[in-house]
Amino acid sequence: MRPRLVALDLDGTIVHTHGSVAWEVVSSTLPSDRVRRAVRALDTAGVGVILASGRMYAGMRGVHDHLGLRSPLVCQQGCAVHEPGGGVTHEFPLALDLAHAVIAYARELGRPYEWFTPLRYLASAENDASKGYAMLSGVAAEYHAAPESSGLLPTGVGIISTPEAAPAIHAELVARLGDRVHLIDFPSVTVCVSTGATKGRALELLCADLGVERESVVAVGDSVNDAPMLEWAGRGYTVTHGDRYAHAAADHVLDTSEDDGVAALLERIAAGQPL
């Protein structure tokens, strides 16, 4: 049976920068023409396509428009689901007591921290990680010594450190907060969100809205924040360069050079070929 919906991660899955780590390059790179043709073929075949990214809504719109999509967007690791025009249909705020516990620990460490909502990104000090994420997400970073005083209810907070320090920060947050939060580990940022804020849960709610059953969903991603949707989907695919979390969650690994493996999968689905 042909899938009814395909959920695609952006960075590292259908958006590639050919080795560049410059945020200016990453934020402006679009999927290949082959991927765009495959997505349009899926639309013609009646298969829905959903983009699911760690980026905020503004940083996803360029890719969404480039692919000619009219579907909702799963944004910010699954913290929010947006309509194509920007309206929020699902949002997973982080309880304020938990957010304050995380930033209290950041202050103990003397580390900068981030505080974000579906549409705004604040940080306690200017740093490379916050500048990069804001650029990738298409928003202006707002710097305040105490972002928590903004009055904004966050969908997440994060402690900004280094690849060497991040594992110990994760371990301490687990010791302090246990399973009351969902932690997402990036090389130099440890992000804390609501336990319901994952790409998998957002995709589940979106499919319920659309009347699409789990078994009819294919998800493709390459990173730790993709793992929940790879596990939830009827078929989860990662790519050869995907991280260990994605490989553990996926049912299949695409043999890929840049985006060829992903495009080939989309072409097979559009043509109604067996997976």
C-alpha atoms as a PDB file:
ATOM      1  CA  MET A   1       0.000   0.000   0.000  1.00  0.00           C
ATOM      2  CA  ARG A   2       1.353   3.416  -0.962  1.00  0.00           C
ATOM      3  CA  PRO A   3       1.988   5.702   2.039  1.00  0.00           C
ATOM      4  CA  ARG A   4      -0.407   8.613   2.478  1.00  0.00           C
ATOM      5  CA  LEU A   5       2.056  11.019   4.068  1.00  0.00           C
ATOM      6  CA  VAL A   6       5.825  11.583   4.154  1.00  0.00           C
ATOM      7  CA  ALA A   7       7.488  13.625   6.921  1.00  0.00           C
ATOM      8  CA  LEU A   8      10.874  15.079   5.989  1.00  0.00           C
ATOM      9  CA  ASP A   9      13.562  16.627   8.156  1.00  0.00           C
ATOM     10  CA  LEU A  10      15.460  19.518   6.587  1.00  0.00           C
ATOM     11  CA  ASP A  11      19.089  19.976   7.623  1.00  0.00           C
ATOM     12  CA  GLY A  12      21.181  16.920   6.864  1.00  0.00           C
ATOM     13  CA  THR A  13      18.256  15.138   5.186  1.00  0.00           C
ATOM     14  CA  ILE A  14      16.969  17.179   2.244  1.00  0.00           C
ATOM     15  CA  VAL A  15      19.094  20.299   2.807  1.00  0.00           C
ATOM     16  CA  HIS A  16      22.834  19.812   2.372  1.00  0.00           C
ATOM     17  CA  THR A  17      25.654  22.315   2.515  1.00  0.00           C
ATOM     18  CA  HIS A  18      28.441  20.229   0.989  1.00  0.00           C
ATOM     19  CA  GLY A  19      30.560  20.375   4.114  1.00  0.00           C
ATOM     20  CA  SER A  20      30.109  24.065   4.887  1.00  0.00           C
ATOM     21  CA  VAL A  21      29.405  24.933   8.507  1.00  0.00           C
ATOM     22  CA  ALA A  22      28.888  28.653   7.843  1.00  0.00           C
ATOM     23  CA  TRP A  23      25.444  29.612   9.115  1.00  0.00           C
ATOM     24  CA  GLU A  24      24.998  31.983   6.186  1.00  0.00           C
ATOM     25  CA  VAL A  25      25.388  29.043   3.796  1.00  0.00           C
ATOM     26  CA  VAL A  26      23.255  26.636   5.811  1.00  0.00           C
ATOM     27  CA  SER A  27      20.373  29.079   6.214  1.00  0.00           C
ATOM     28  CA  SER A  28      20.207  29.927   2.502  1.00  0.00           C
ATOM     29  CA  THR A  29      20.630  26.431   1.034  1.00  0.00           C
ATOM     30  CA  LEU A  30      17.588  24.821  -0.603  1.00  0.00           C
ATOM     31  CA  PRO A  31      16.787  21.197  -1.497  1.00  0.00           C
ATOM     32  CA  SER A  32      18.002  19.973  -4.880  1.00  0.00           C
ATOM     33  CA  ASP A  33      15.925  20.092  -8.047  1.00  0.00           C
ATOM     34  CA  ARG A  34      15.629  16.311  -7.865  1.00  0.00           C
ATOM     35  CA  VAL A  35      14.081  16.494  -4.408  1.00  0.00           C
ATOM     36  CA  ARG A  36      11.741  19.274  -5.529  1.00  0.00           C
ATOM     37  CA  ARG A  37      10.590  17.215  -8.529  1.00  0.00           C
ATOM     38  CA  ALA A  38      10.060  14.177  -6.306  1.00  0.00           C
ATOM     39  CA  VAL A  39       7.988  16.192  -3.832  1.00  0.00           C
ATOM     40  CA  ARG A  40       5.823  17.517  -6.649  1.00  0.00           C
ATOM     41  CA  ALA A  41       5.392  13.987  -7.970  1.00  0.00           C
ATOM     42  CA  LEU A  42       4.194  12.937  -4.522  1.00  0.00           C
ATOM     43  CA  ASP A  43       1.651  15.752  -4.564  1.00  0.00           C
ATOM     44  CA  THR A  44       0.415  14.639  -7.981  1.00  0.00           C
ATOM     45  CA  ALA A  45       0.099  11.088  -6.656  1.00  0.00           C
ATOM     46  CA  GLY A  46      -1.964  12.293  -3.699  1.00  0.00           C
ATOM     47  CA  VAL A  47       0.733  11.701  -1.076  1.00  0.00           C
ATOM     48  CA  GLY A  48       1.072  14.477   1.493  1.00  0.00           C
ATOM     49  CA  VAL A  49       4.455  15.915   2.470  1.00  0.00           C
ATOM     50  CA  ILE A  50       5.167  17.487   5.854  1.00  0.00           C
ATOM     51  CA  LEU A  51       8.382  19.291   6.772  1.00  0.00           C
ATOM     52  CA  ALA A  52       9.602  18.691  10.335  1.00  0.00           C
ATOM     53  CA  SER A  53      12.619  20.646  11.513  1.00  0.00           C
ATOM     54  CA  GLY A  54      14.481  22.017  14.483  1.00  0.00           C
ATOM     55  CA  ARG A  55      14.205  25.418  12.838  1.00  0.00           C
ATOM     56  CA  MET A  56      11.591  27.953  13.797  1.00  0.00           C
ATOM     57  CA  TYR A  57       8.739  28.679  11.397  1.00  0.00           C
ATOM     58  CA  ALA A  58      10.395  31.651   9.672  1.00  0.00           C
ATOM     59  CA  GLY A  59      13.477  29.583   8.845  1.00  0.00           C
ATOM     60  CA  MET A  60      11.386  26.826   7.257  1.00  0.00           C
ATOM     61  CA  ARG A  61       9.199  28.956   5.012  1.00  0.00           C
ATOM     62  CA  GLY A  62      11.801  29.340   2.254  1.00  0.00           C
ATOM     63  CA  VAL A  63      12.175  25.572   1.876  1.00  0.00           C
ATOM     64  CA  HIS A  64       8.407  25.051   2.186  1.00  0.00           C
ATOM     65  CA  ASP A  65       7.744  27.549  -0.607  1.00  0.00           C
ATOM     66  CA  HIS A  66      10.603  26.217  -2.761  1.00  0.00           C
ATOM     67  CA  LEU A  67       8.993  22.772  -2.678  1.00  0.00           C
ATOM     68  CA  GLY A  68       5.557  24.173  -3.500  1.00  0.00           C
ATOM     69  CA  LEU A  69       3.982  22.825  -0.324  1.00  0.00           C
ATOM     70  CA  ARG A  70       0.681  23.904   1.205  1.00  0.00           C
ATOM     71  CA  SER A  71       0.859  21.636   4.244  1.00  0.00           C
ATOM     72  CA  PRO A  72       1.362  22.428   7.953  1.00  0.00           C
ATOM     73  CA  LEU A  73       4.910  22.640   9.323  1.00  0.00           C
ATOM     74  CA  VAL A  74       6.365  20.891  12.385  1.00  0.00           C
ATOM     75  CA  CYS A  75       8.786  23.425  13.850  1.00  0.00           C
ATOM     76  CA  GLN A  76      11.302  23.801  16.676  1.00  0.00           C
ATOM     77  CA  GLN A  77      11.953  20.085  17.318  1.00  0.00           C
ATOM     78  CA  GLY A  78       8.181  19.550  17.520  1.00  0.00           C
ATOM     79  CA  CYS A  79       7.480  22.335  20.024  1.00  0.00           C
ATOM     80  CA  ALA A  80       4.952  23.863  17.633  1.00  0.00           C
ATOM     81  CA  VAL A  81       2.903  23.012  14.551  1.00  0.00           C
ATOM     82  CA  HIS A  82       2.195  25.936  12.228  1.00  0.00           C
ATOM     83  CA  GLU A  83      -0.256  26.467   9.412  1.00  0.00           C
ATOM     84  CA  PRO A  84       1.392  27.523   6.134  1.00  0.00           C
ATOM     85  CA  GLY A  85       0.478  31.144   6.880  1.00  0.00           C
ATOM     86  CA  GLY A  86       2.145  31.008  10.296  1.00  0.00           C
ATOM     87  CA  GLY A  87      -0.732  30.405  12.693  1.00  0.00           C
ATOM     88  CA  VAL A  88       0.006  27.937  15.490  1.00  0.00           C
ATOM     89  CA  THR A  89      -2.301  24.908  15.701  1.00  0.00           C
ATOM     90  CA  HIS A  90      -0.397  22.915  18.327  1.00  0.00           C
ATOM     91  CA  GLU A  91       2.048  24.218  20.922  1.00  0.00           C
ATOM     92  CA  PHE A  92       3.876  22.522  23.793  1.00  0.00           C
ATOM     93  CA  PRO A  93       4.951  25.114  26.384  1.00  0.00           C
ATOM     94  CA  LEU A  94       7.451  24.211  29.064  1.00  0.00           C
ATOM     95  CA  ALA A  95       6.217  24.659  32.633  1.00  0.00           C
ATOM     96  CA  LEU A  96       7.748  27.790  34.135  1.00  0.00           C
ATOM     97  CA  ASP A  97       9.041  26.051  37.254  1.00  0.00           C
ATOM     98  CA  LEU A  98      11.006  23.646  35.063  1.00  0.00           C
ATOM     99  CA  ALA A  99      12.278  26.438  32.828  1.00  0.00           C
ATOM    100  CA  HIS A 100      13.456  28.389  35.869  1.00  0.00           C
ATOM    101  CA  ALA A 101      15.183  25.306  37.281  1.00  0.00           C
ATOM    102  CA  VAL A 102      17.178  24.941  34.060  1.00  0.00           C
ATOM    103  CA  ILE A 103      18.274  28.558  33.891  1.00  0.00           C
ATOM    104  CA  ALA A 104      19.153  28.542  37.594  1.00  0.00           C
ATOM    105  CA  TYR A 105      21.587  25.736  36.829  1.00  0.00           C
ATOM    106  CA  ALA A 106      22.945  27.686  33.847  1.00  0.00           C
ATOM    107  CA  ARG A 107      23.605  30.634  36.152  1.00  0.00           C
ATOM    108  CA  GLU A 108      25.351  28.343  38.646  1.00  0.00           C
ATOM    109  CA  LEU A 109      27.673  27.298  35.841  1.00  0.00           C
ATOM    110  CA  GLY A 110      28.120  30.806  34.512  1.00  0.00           C
ATOM    111  CA  ARG A 111      26.832  29.641  31.127  1.00  0.00           C
ATOM    112  CA  PRO A 112      24.642  31.617  28.722  1.00  0.00           C
ATOM    113  CA  TYR A 113      21.191  30.234  28.080  1.00  0.00           C
ATOM    114  CA  GLU A 114      18.373  30.511  25.552  1.00  0.00           C
ATOM    115  CA  TRP A 115      14.647  31.037  26.087  1.00  0.00           C
ATOM    116  CA  PHE A 116      12.363  30.573  23.095  1.00  0.00           C
ATOM    117  CA  THR A 117       8.737  30.547  21.955  1.00  0.00           C
ATOM    118  CA  PRO A 118       7.296  29.485  18.578  1.00  0.00           C
ATOM    119  CA  LEU A 119       8.042  32.958  17.168  1.00  0.00           C
ATOM    120  CA  ARG A 120      10.761  34.553  19.306  1.00  0.00           C
ATOM    121  CA  TYR A 121      14.276  33.569  20.337  1.00  0.00           C
ATOM    122  CA  LEU A 122      15.994  35.161  23.347  1.00  0.00           C
ATOM    123  CA  ALA A 123      19.412  34.520  24.866  1.00  0.00           C
ATOM    124  CA  SER A 124      21.164  35.817  27.965  1.00  0.00           C
ATOM    125  CA  ALA A 125      24.329  36.749  26.063  1.00  0.00           C
ATOM    126  CA  GLU A 126      25.520  36.919  22.491  1.00  0.00           C
ATOM    127  CA  ASN A 127      27.364  33.765  21.409  1.00  0.00           C
ATOM    128  CA  ASP A 128      28.048  31.761  18.267  1.00  0.00           C
ATOM    129  CA  ALA A 129      25.386  29.131  18.982  1.00  0.00           C
ATOM    130  CA  SER A 130      22.591  31.649  19.509  1.00  0.00           C
ATOM    131  CA  LYS A 131      23.612  33.738  16.504  1.00  0.00           C
ATOM    132  CA  GLY A 132      23.708  30.627  14.340  1.00  0.00           C
ATOM    133  CA  TYR A 133      20.357  29.240  15.445  1.00  0.00           C
ATOM    134  CA  ALA A 134      18.652  32.602  15.007  1.00  0.00           C
ATOM    135  CA  MET A 135      20.055  32.929  11.492  1.00  0.00           C
ATOM    136  CA  LEU A 136      19.017  29.381  10.615  1.00  0.00           C
ATOM    137  CA  SER A 137      15.547  30.065  12.000  1.00  0.00           C
ATOM    138  CA  GLY A 138      15.081  33.329  10.141  1.00  0.00           C
ATOM    139  CA  VAL A 139      14.582  35.457  13.254  1.00  0.00           C
ATOM    140  CA  ALA A 140      16.518  38.181  15.034  1.00  0.00           C
ATOM    141  CA  ALA A 141      18.059  36.960  18.276  1.00  0.00           C
ATOM    142  CA  GLU A 142      17.038  39.107  21.243  1.00  0.00           C
ATOM    143  CA  TYR A 143      19.706  39.476  23.914  1.00  0.00           C
ATOM    144  CA  HIS A 144      18.682  40.188  27.500  1.00  0.00           C
ATOM    145  CA  ALA A 145      20.584  39.534  30.709  1.00  0.00           C
ATOM    146  CA  ALA A 146      17.449  37.832  32.057  1.00  0.00           C
ATOM    147  CA  PRO A 147      15.279  36.483  29.200  1.00  0.00           C
ATOM    148  CA  GLU A 148      12.944  34.936  31.753  1.00  0.00           C
ATOM    149  CA  SER A 149      11.847  38.470  32.678  1.00  0.00           C
ATOM    150  CA  SER A 150      10.374  38.942  29.202  1.00  0.00           C
ATOM    151  CA  GLY A 151       6.981  37.623  30.265  1.00  0.00           C
ATOM    152  CA  LEU A 152       7.077  35.049  27.462  1.00  0.00           C
ATOM    153  CA  LEU A 153       5.969  31.493  28.212  1.00  0.00           C
ATOM    154  CA  PRO A 154       8.716  29.371  26.658  1.00  0.00           C
ATOM    155  CA  THR A 155       8.370  26.265  24.568  1.00  0.00           C
ATOM    156  CA  GLY A 156      11.939  25.526  25.594  1.00  0.00           C
ATOM    157  CA  VAL A 157      15.143  26.688  27.221  1.00  0.00           C
ATOM    158  CA  GLY A 158      18.697  25.599  26.601  1.00  0.00           C
ATOM    159  CA  ILE A 159      22.098  25.804  28.261  1.00  0.00           C
ATOM    160  CA  ILE A 160      24.830  26.869  25.855  1.00  0.00           C
ATOM    161  CA  SER A 161      28.225  25.350  26.575  1.00  0.00           C
ATOM    162  CA  THR A 162      30.793  23.311  24.639  1.00  0.00           C
ATOM    163  CA  PRO A 163      30.886  19.782  23.210  1.00  0.00           C
ATOM    164  CA  GLU A 164      33.147  18.826  26.104  1.00  0.00           C
ATOM    165  CA  ALA A 165      30.902  20.258  28.835  1.00  0.00           C
ATOM    166  CA  ALA A 166      27.509  19.292  27.401  1.00  0.00           C
ATOM    167  CA  PRO A 167      27.429  15.626  28.551  1.00  0.00           C
ATOM    168  CA  ALA A 168      27.912  16.592  32.202  1.00  0.00           C
ATOM    169  CA  ILE A 169      25.234  19.278  31.885  1.00  0.00           C
ATOM    170  CA  HIS A 170      22.817  16.695  30.491  1.00  0.00           C
ATOM    171  CA  ALA A 171      23.582  14.300  33.341  1.00  0.00           C
ATOM    172  CA  GLU A 172      23.002  16.969  35.987  1.00  0.00           C
ATOM    173  CA  LEU A 173      19.704  18.051  34.433  1.00  0.00           C
ATOM    174  CA  VAL A 174      18.545  14.430  34.454  1.00  0.00           C
ATOM    175  CA  ALA A 175      19.526  14.180  38.130  1.00  0.00           C
ATOM    176  CA  ARG A 176      17.618  17.365  38.976  1.00  0.00           C
ATOM    177  CA  LEU A 177      14.554  17.073  36.750  1.00  0.00           C
ATOM    178  CA  GLY A 178      14.281  13.391  35.865  1.00  0.00           C
ATOM    179  CA  ASP A 179      11.540  12.513  33.401  1.00  0.00           C
ATOM    180  CA  ARG A 180       9.641  15.775  33.870  1.00  0.00           C
ATOM    181  CA  VAL A 181      11.403  17.216  30.817  1.00  0.00           C
ATOM    182  CA  HIS A 182      12.589  16.071  27.413  1.00  0.00           C
ATOM    183  CA  LEU A 183      16.275  16.810  26.763  1.00  0.00           C
ATOM    184  CA  ILE A 184      17.733  17.189  23.279  1.00  0.00           C
ATOM    185  CA  ASP A 185      21.506  17.163  22.960  1.00  0.00           C
ATOM    186  CA  PHE A 186      23.262  19.216  20.321  1.00  0.00           C
ATOM    187  CA  PRO A 187      27.057  19.566  20.267  1.00  0.00           C
ATOM    188  CA  SER A 188      27.192  22.736  22.364  1.00  0.00           C
ATOM    189  CA  VAL A 189      23.570  23.257  23.458  1.00  0.00           C
ATOM    190  CA  THR A 190      21.516  21.149  25.853  1.00  0.00           C
ATOM    191  CA  VAL A 191      17.864  21.928  25.108  1.00  0.00           C
ATOM    192  CA  CYS A 192      15.065  21.301  27.589  1.00  0.00           C
ATOM    193  CA  VAL A 193      11.468  21.107  26.338  1.00  0.00           C
ATOM    194  CA  SER A 194       8.153  19.657  27.466  1.00  0.00           C
ATOM    195  CA  THR A 195       7.911  15.874  27.487  1.00  0.00           C
ATOM    196  CA  GLY A 196       5.254  16.188  24.781  1.00  0.00           C
ATOM    197  CA  ALA A 197       7.421  18.342  22.548  1.00  0.00           C
ATOM    198  CA  THR A 198       8.924  15.941  20.027  1.00  0.00           C
ATOM    199  CA  LYS A 199       8.655  15.614  16.285  1.00  0.00           C
ATOM    200  CA  GLY A 200       6.976  12.263  16.866  1.00  0.00           C
ATOM    201  CA  ARG A 201       4.207  13.654  19.069  1.00  0.00           C
ATOM    202  CA  ALA A 202       3.673  16.646  16.763  1.00  0.00           C
ATOM    203  CA  LEU A 203       3.443  14.320  13.776  1.00  0.00           C
ATOM    204  CA  GLU A 204       0.975  12.108  15.641  1.00  0.00           C
ATOM    205  CA  LEU A 205      -1.310  15.070  16.383  1.00  0.00           C
ATOM    206  CA  LEU A 206      -1.013  16.377  12.850  1.00  0.00           C
ATOM    207  CA  CYS A 207      -1.910  12.996  11.380  1.00  0.00           C
ATOM    208  CA  ALA A 208      -4.932  12.838  13.683  1.00  0.00           C
ATOM    209  CA  ASP A 209      -6.006  16.237  12.338  1.00  0.00           C
ATOM    210  CA  LEU A 210      -5.579  14.995   8.769  1.00  0.00           C
ATOM    211  CA  GLY A 211      -7.137  11.573   9.310  1.00  0.00           C
ATOM    212  CA  VAL A 212      -3.940   9.733   8.386  1.00  0.00           C
ATOM    213  CA  GLU A 213      -3.175   6.498  10.212  1.00  0.00           C
ATOM    214  CA  ARG A 214       0.293   5.798  11.598  1.00  0.00           C
ATOM    215  CA  GLU A 215       0.886   2.809   9.329  1.00  0.00           C
ATOM    216  CA  SER A 216       0.512   5.067   6.280  1.00  0.00           C
ATOM    217  CA  VAL A 217       3.283   7.465   7.354  1.00  0.00           C
ATOM    218  CA  VAL A 218       6.922   7.475   6.232  1.00  0.00           C
ATOM    219  CA  ALA A 219       9.414   9.659   8.127  1.00  0.00           C
ATOM    220  CA  VAL A 220      12.975  10.516   7.089  1.00  0.00           C
ATOM    221  CA  GLY A 221      15.593  12.189   9.295  1.00  0.00           C
ATOM    222  CA  ASP A 222      19.217  12.146  10.329  1.00  0.00           C
ATOM    223  CA  SER A 223      19.511  13.386  13.909  1.00  0.00           C
ATOM    224  CA  VAL A 224      18.613  13.009  17.567  1.00  0.00           C
ATOM    225  CA  ASN A 225      15.569  15.274  17.234  1.00  0.00           C
ATOM    226  CA  ASP A 226      14.263  13.074  14.400  1.00  0.00           C
ATOM    227  CA  ALA A 227      14.381   9.845  16.405  1.00  0.00           C
ATOM    228  CA  PRO A 228      10.872  10.177  17.928  1.00  0.00           C
ATOM    229  CA  MET A 229       9.200  10.613  14.535  1.00  0.00           C
ATOM    230  CA  LEU A 230      11.255   7.791  13.013  1.00  0.00           C
ATOM    231  CA  GLU A 231      10.009   5.548  15.818  1.00  0.00           C
ATOM    232  CA  TRP A 232       6.398   6.703  15.538  1.00  0.00           C
ATOM    233  CA  ALA A 233       5.991   6.483  11.756  1.00  0.00           C
ATOM    234  CA  GLY A 234       4.928   3.261  10.102  1.00  0.00           C
ATOM    235  CA  ARG A 235       8.299   3.322   8.331  1.00  0.00           C
ATOM    236  CA  GLY A 236      11.264   5.323   9.572  1.00  0.00           C
ATOM    237  CA  TYR A 237      14.280   6.008   7.367  1.00  0.00           C
ATOM    238  CA  THR A 238      17.614   7.572   8.177  1.00  0.00           C
ATOM    239  CA  VAL A 239      20.680   8.237   6.043  1.00  0.00           C
ATOM    240  CA  THR A 240      24.160   6.778   6.207  1.00  0.00           C
ATOM    241  CA  HIS A 241      25.580   9.920   7.823  1.00  0.00           C
ATOM    242  CA  GLY A 242      22.780  10.056  10.406  1.00  0.00           C
ATOM    243  CA  ASP A 243      23.702  10.055  14.090  1.00  0.00           C
ATOM    244  CA  ARG A 244      23.425   7.062  16.411  1.00  0.00           C
ATOM    245  CA  TYR A 245      20.008   8.114  17.713  1.00  0.00           C
ATOM    246  CA  ALA A 246      18.528   8.236  14.222  1.00  0.00           C
ATOM    247  CA  HIS A 247      20.085   4.892  13.307  1.00  0.00           C
ATOM    248  CA  ALA A 248      18.702   3.279  16.463  1.00  0.00           C
ATOM    249  CA  ALA A 249      15.190   4.593  15.781  1.00  0.00           C
ATOM    250  CA  ALA A 250      14.974   3.959  12.033  1.00  0.00           C
ATOM    251  CA  ASP A 251      13.651   0.843  10.342  1.00  0.00           C
ATOM    252  CA  HIS A 252      15.829   1.383   7.276  1.00  0.00           C
ATOM    253  CA  VAL A 253      19.039   3.191   6.316  1.00  0.00           C
ATOM    254  CA  LEU A 254      19.207   4.879   2.921  1.00  0.00           C
ATOM    255  CA  ASP A 255      22.447   4.456   1.032  1.00  0.00           C
ATOM    256  CA  THR A 256      22.905   8.073   0.134  1.00  0.00           C
ATOM    257  CA  SER A 257      25.350  10.449  -1.439  1.00  0.00           C
ATOM    258  CA  GLU A 258      24.088  13.905  -0.501  1.00  0.00           C
ATOM    259  CA  ASP A 259      20.317  13.701  -1.123  1.00  0.00           C
ATOM    260  CA  ASP A 260      20.214  10.996  -3.813  1.00  0.00           C
ATOM    261  CA  GLY A 261      19.024   8.287  -1.445  1.00  0.00           C
ATOM    262  CA  VAL A 262      16.218  10.427  -0.059  1.00  0.00           C
ATOM    263  CA  ALA A 263      15.139  11.578  -3.525  1.00  0.00           C
ATOM    264  CA  ALA A 264      15.136   7.989  -4.778  1.00  0.00           C
ATOM    265  CA  LEU A 265      12.885   6.961  -1.868  1.00  0.00           C
ATOM    266  CA  LEU A 266      10.452   9.781  -2.638  1.00  0.00           C
ATOM    267  CA  GLU A 267      10.427   8.824  -6.318  1.00  0.00           C
ATOM    268  CA  ARG A 268       9.610   5.207  -5.457  1.00  0.00           C
ATOM    269  CA  ILE A 269       6.728   6.278  -3.231  1.00  0.00           C
ATOM    270  CA  ALA A 270       5.352   8.620  -5.903  1.00  0.00           C
ATOM    271  CA  ALA A 271       5.522   5.846  -8.503  1.00  0.00           C
ATOM    272  CA  GLY A 272       3.730   3.391  -6.216  1.00  0.00           C
ATOM    273  CA  GLN A 273       6.720   1.046  -6.138  1.00  0.00           C
ATOM    274  CA  PRO A 274       7.275  -1.333  -3.212  1.00  0.00           C
ATOM    275  CA  LEU A 275       9.384  -0.021  -0.343  1.00  0.00           C
END
